[in-house]
Amino acid sequence: MQKKLAVGMFIEKNIQTTPEMAASRFHESSPPVVSTPSLITFMQTTCADLIAPFLEGNEMAVSTKIEMNHLASTPIGMPIIIRAEIIKIDDKRINFKVEAFDDIEKIASAFNDMYIIDEERFERGLKRKLSKTKSKAEIKQ
């Protein structure tokens, strides 16, 4: 990391909800409200946005754990605000408290753990895994 991250640093992100974010997109019997998977994605990416300016060129951040409580439904079209705050730093492990609000109430609360990794090493690991998958597929044929 180039610059220094600190406990207490936070970011707020405003998101305009759209039909692509609806629970009904995932299952026809679901209502037209913001889906839990969309909300988790917003929370994770907000955490990533907070630490991105502090990463060196060869570093990237990945979520290793997220625990989320979806507390209330938000109709599609209503904007939401995601607030992420760093609550603990342990070397390359960053812990966040994340909350989401719509115009009326708090809609979710979460804890997200992220880890800063070397991008080249990560890519090498993916290539190894893909080559093993291809080898297994060739053996089965």
C-alpha atoms as a PDB file:
ATOM      1  CA  MET A   1       0.000   0.000   0.000  1.00  0.00           C
ATOM      2  CA  GLN A   2       1.288   3.397  -0.971  1.00  0.00           C
ATOM      3  CA  LYS A   3      -0.661   5.573   1.462  1.00  0.00           C
ATOM      4  CA  LYS A   4      -1.846   4.675   4.920  1.00  0.00           C
ATOM      5  CA  LEU A   5      -5.328   3.300   5.550  1.00  0.00           C
ATOM      6  CA  ALA A   6      -6.791   4.042   8.975  1.00  0.00           C
ATOM      7  CA  VAL A   7      -9.574   2.763  11.169  1.00  0.00           C
ATOM      8  CA  GLY A   8     -12.530   5.132  10.977  1.00  0.00           C
ATOM      9  CA  MET A   9     -12.086   5.994   7.308  1.00  0.00           C
ATOM     10  CA  PHE A  10     -15.407   5.778   5.478  1.00  0.00           C
ATOM     11  CA  ILE A  11     -17.117   6.305   2.164  1.00  0.00           C
ATOM     12  CA  GLU A  12     -20.724   6.853   1.144  1.00  0.00           C
ATOM     13  CA  LYS A  13     -22.013   5.853  -2.249  1.00  0.00           C
ATOM     14  CA  ASN A  14     -25.356   6.879  -3.768  1.00  0.00           C
ATOM     15  CA  ILE A  15     -26.976   4.317  -6.047  1.00  0.00           C
ATOM     16  CA  GLN A  16     -30.049   4.764  -8.208  1.00  0.00           C
ATOM     17  CA  THR A  17     -31.858   1.444  -8.327  1.00  0.00           C
ATOM     18  CA  THR A  18     -32.876   0.017 -11.705  1.00  0.00           C
ATOM     19  CA  PRO A  19     -34.897  -2.993 -12.935  1.00  0.00           C
ATOM     20  CA  GLU A  20     -31.680  -5.011 -13.406  1.00  0.00           C
ATOM     21  CA  MET A  21     -31.263  -4.953  -9.610  1.00  0.00           C
ATOM     22  CA  ALA A  22     -34.722  -6.396  -8.858  1.00  0.00           C
ATOM     23  CA  ALA A  23     -35.352  -9.630  -6.990  1.00  0.00           C
ATOM     24  CA  SER A  24     -37.913 -10.441  -9.692  1.00  0.00           C
ATOM     25  CA  ARG A  25     -34.996 -10.710 -12.137  1.00  0.00           C
ATOM     26  CA  PHE A  26     -33.737 -13.717 -10.204  1.00  0.00           C
ATOM     27  CA  HIS A  27     -37.091 -15.429  -9.678  1.00  0.00           C
ATOM     28  CA  GLU A  28     -40.438 -14.713 -11.316  1.00  0.00           C
ATOM     29  CA  SER A  29     -42.384 -14.952  -8.043  1.00  0.00           C
ATOM     30  CA  SER A  30     -40.197 -12.327  -6.334  1.00  0.00           C
ATOM     31  CA  PRO A  31     -41.356  -8.713  -5.987  1.00  0.00           C
ATOM     32  CA  PRO A  32     -39.874  -5.707  -7.835  1.00  0.00           C
ATOM     33  CA  VAL A  33     -37.586  -4.693  -4.969  1.00  0.00           C
ATOM     34  CA  VAL A  34     -33.792  -4.472  -4.666  1.00  0.00           C
ATOM     35  CA  SER A  35     -32.453  -8.022  -4.502  1.00  0.00           C
ATOM     36  CA  THR A  36     -30.185  -9.296  -1.767  1.00  0.00           C
ATOM     37  CA  PRO A  37     -27.469 -10.288  -4.308  1.00  0.00           C
ATOM     38  CA  SER A  38     -27.501  -6.748  -5.734  1.00  0.00           C
ATOM     39  CA  LEU A  39     -27.274  -5.242  -2.266  1.00  0.00           C
ATOM     40  CA  ILE A  40     -24.331  -7.484  -1.350  1.00  0.00           C
ATOM     41  CA  THR A  41     -22.585  -6.437  -4.568  1.00  0.00           C
ATOM     42  CA  PHE A  42     -23.086  -2.739  -3.775  1.00  0.00           C
ATOM     43  CA  MET A  43     -21.760  -3.222  -0.252  1.00  0.00           C
ATOM     44  CA  GLN A  44     -18.683  -5.132  -1.408  1.00  0.00           C
ATOM     45  CA  THR A  45     -17.843  -2.690  -4.194  1.00  0.00           C
ATOM     46  CA  THR A  46     -18.271   0.285  -1.865  1.00  0.00           C
ATOM     47  CA  CYS A  47     -15.648  -1.236   0.454  1.00  0.00           C
ATOM     48  CA  ALA A  48     -13.376  -1.829  -2.536  1.00  0.00           C
ATOM     49  CA  ASP A  49     -13.866   1.792  -3.653  1.00  0.00           C
ATOM     50  CA  LEU A  50     -12.789   3.029  -0.220  1.00  0.00           C
ATOM     51  CA  ILE A  51      -9.442   1.245  -0.277  1.00  0.00           C
ATOM     52  CA  ALA A  52      -8.707   1.421  -4.037  1.00  0.00           C
ATOM     53  CA  PRO A  53      -6.807   4.750  -3.841  1.00  0.00           C
ATOM     54  CA  PHE A  54      -4.459   3.202  -1.269  1.00  0.00           C
ATOM     55  CA  LEU A  55      -3.436   0.166  -3.325  1.00  0.00           C
ATOM     56  CA  GLU A  56      -0.185  -0.063  -5.247  1.00  0.00           C
ATOM     57  CA  GLY A  57      -0.233  -0.935  -8.951  1.00  0.00           C
ATOM     58  CA  ASN A  58       0.287  -4.667  -8.345  1.00  0.00           C
ATOM     59  CA  GLU A  59      -2.305  -4.947  -5.553  1.00  0.00           C
ATOM     60  CA  MET A  60      -6.000  -5.716  -5.579  1.00  0.00           C
ATOM     61  CA  ALA A  61      -8.561  -6.319  -2.855  1.00  0.00           C
ATOM     62  CA  VAL A  62     -10.839  -9.326  -2.643  1.00  0.00           C
ATOM     63  CA  SER A  63     -13.654 -10.068  -0.218  1.00  0.00           C
ATOM     64  CA  THR A  64     -12.993 -13.113   1.920  1.00  0.00           C
ATOM     65  CA  LYS A  65     -16.157 -12.965   4.042  1.00  0.00           C
ATOM     66  CA  ILE A  66     -19.369 -10.987   4.109  1.00  0.00           C
ATOM     67  CA  GLU A  67     -22.160 -11.282   6.663  1.00  0.00           C
ATOM     68  CA  MET A  68     -25.254  -9.280   5.765  1.00  0.00           C
ATOM     69  CA  ASN A  69     -28.687  -8.775   7.248  1.00  0.00           C
ATOM     70  CA  HIS A  70     -31.251  -7.574   4.714  1.00  0.00           C
ATOM     71  CA  LEU A  71     -33.609  -5.648   6.999  1.00  0.00           C
ATOM     72  CA  ALA A  72     -36.177  -4.012   4.699  1.00  0.00           C
ATOM     73  CA  SER A  73     -37.305  -3.993   1.090  1.00  0.00           C
ATOM     74  CA  THR A  74     -36.611  -1.098  -1.245  1.00  0.00           C
ATOM     75  CA  PRO A  75     -38.798  -0.547  -4.301  1.00  0.00           C
ATOM     76  CA  ILE A  76     -36.987  -0.379  -7.621  1.00  0.00           C
ATOM     77  CA  GLY A  77     -36.543   3.275  -8.582  1.00  0.00           C
ATOM     78  CA  MET A  78     -35.844   4.463  -5.031  1.00  0.00           C
ATOM     79  CA  PRO A  79     -32.209   5.522  -4.480  1.00  0.00           C
ATOM     80  CA  ILE A  80     -30.082   3.892  -1.804  1.00  0.00           C
ATOM     81  CA  ILE A  81     -26.997   5.001   0.092  1.00  0.00           C
ATOM     82  CA  ILE A  82     -24.245   2.570   1.046  1.00  0.00           C
ATOM     83  CA  ARG A  83     -21.893   3.579   3.866  1.00  0.00           C
ATOM     84  CA  ALA A  84     -18.721   1.565   4.463  1.00  0.00           C
ATOM     85  CA  GLU A  85     -16.327   2.205   7.358  1.00  0.00           C
ATOM     86  CA  ILE A  86     -13.009   0.566   8.192  1.00  0.00           C
ATOM     87  CA  ILE A  87     -13.288  -0.921  11.681  1.00  0.00           C
ATOM     88  CA  LYS A  88     -10.069  -2.977  11.860  1.00  0.00           C
ATOM     89  CA  ILE A  89      -6.801  -3.326   9.969  1.00  0.00           C
ATOM     90  CA  ASP A  90      -4.523  -6.314  10.454  1.00  0.00           C
ATOM     91  CA  ASP A  91      -1.676  -6.045   7.953  1.00  0.00           C
ATOM     92  CA  LYS A  92      -3.378  -6.811   4.611  1.00  0.00           C
ATOM     93  CA  ARG A  93      -6.745  -7.812   6.119  1.00  0.00           C
ATOM     94  CA  ILE A  94      -9.273  -4.974   6.285  1.00  0.00           C
ATOM     95  CA  ASN A  95     -12.568  -5.294   8.178  1.00  0.00           C
ATOM     96  CA  PHE A  96     -15.538  -3.081   7.330  1.00  0.00           C
ATOM     97  CA  LYS A  97     -18.883  -2.227   8.842  1.00  0.00           C
ATOM     98  CA  VAL A  98     -21.352  -1.523   6.045  1.00  0.00           C
ATOM     99  CA  GLU A  99     -24.859  -0.090   6.172  1.00  0.00           C
ATOM    100  CA  ALA A 100     -27.437   0.605   3.479  1.00  0.00           C
ATOM    101  CA  PHE A 101     -30.329   3.063   3.613  1.00  0.00           C
ATOM    102  CA  ASP A 102     -33.167   3.993   1.305  1.00  0.00           C
ATOM    103  CA  ASP A 103     -35.165   7.230   1.556  1.00  0.00           C
ATOM    104  CA  ILE A 104     -37.157   5.835   4.485  1.00  0.00           C
ATOM    105  CA  GLU A 105     -35.032   3.517   6.627  1.00  0.00           C
ATOM    106  CA  LYS A 106     -31.967   1.357   7.131  1.00  0.00           C
ATOM    107  CA  ILE A 107     -32.327  -1.578   4.726  1.00  0.00           C
ATOM    108  CA  ALA A 108     -29.211  -3.628   5.491  1.00  0.00           C
ATOM    109  CA  SER A 109     -26.230  -3.977   7.790  1.00  0.00           C
ATOM    110  CA  ALA A 110     -23.120  -6.028   7.120  1.00  0.00           C
ATOM    111  CA  PHE A 111     -19.553  -6.841   7.983  1.00  0.00           C
ATOM    112  CA  ASN A 112     -17.176  -7.370   5.078  1.00  0.00           C
ATOM    113  CA  ASP A 113     -13.627  -8.707   5.343  1.00  0.00           C
ATOM    114  CA  MET A 114     -11.280  -7.920   2.488  1.00  0.00           C
ATOM    115  CA  TYR A 115      -7.717  -8.992   1.867  1.00  0.00           C
ATOM    116  CA  ILE A 116      -5.117  -7.164  -0.214  1.00  0.00           C
ATOM    117  CA  ILE A 117      -3.391  -9.532  -2.619  1.00  0.00           C
ATOM    118  CA  ASP A 118      -0.785  -9.439  -5.364  1.00  0.00           C
ATOM    119  CA  GLU A 119      -2.606  -9.343  -8.697  1.00  0.00           C
ATOM    120  CA  GLU A 120       0.054 -11.278 -10.657  1.00  0.00           C
ATOM    121  CA  ARG A 121       0.145 -14.072  -8.082  1.00  0.00           C
ATOM    122  CA  PHE A 122      -3.662 -14.236  -8.152  1.00  0.00           C
ATOM    123  CA  GLU A 123      -3.665 -14.494 -11.969  1.00  0.00           C
ATOM    124  CA  ARG A 124      -1.052 -17.284 -11.865  1.00  0.00           C
ATOM    125  CA  GLY A 125      -3.251 -19.218  -9.439  1.00  0.00           C
ATOM    126  CA  LEU A 126      -6.262 -18.852 -11.745  1.00  0.00           C
ATOM    127  CA  LYS A 127      -4.252 -20.061 -14.744  1.00  0.00           C
ATOM    128  CA  ARG A 128      -3.069 -23.113 -12.773  1.00  0.00           C
ATOM    129  CA  LYS A 129      -6.631 -23.920 -11.782  1.00  0.00           C
ATOM    130  CA  LEU A 130      -7.891 -23.520 -15.355  1.00  0.00           C
ATOM    131  CA  SER A 131      -5.136 -25.770 -16.703  1.00  0.00           C
ATOM    132  CA  LYS A 132      -6.096 -28.476 -14.170  1.00  0.00           C
ATOM    133  CA  THR A 133      -9.740 -28.178 -15.223  1.00  0.00           C
ATOM    134  CA  LYS A 134      -8.773 -28.607 -18.878  1.00  0.00           C
ATOM    135  CA  SER A 135      -6.615 -31.627 -18.027  1.00  0.00           C
ATOM    136  CA  LYS A 136      -9.474 -33.285 -16.141  1.00  0.00           C
ATOM    137  CA  ALA A 137     -11.855 -32.647 -19.049  1.00  0.00           C
ATOM    138  CA  GLU A 138      -9.376 -34.248 -21.492  1.00  0.00           C
ATOM    139  CA  ILE A 139      -9.014 -37.324 -19.250  1.00  0.00           C
ATOM    140  CA  LYS A 140     -12.820 -37.805 -19.107  1.00  0.00           C
ATOM    141  CA  GLN A 141     -13.055 -37.827 -22.901  1.00  0.00           C
END
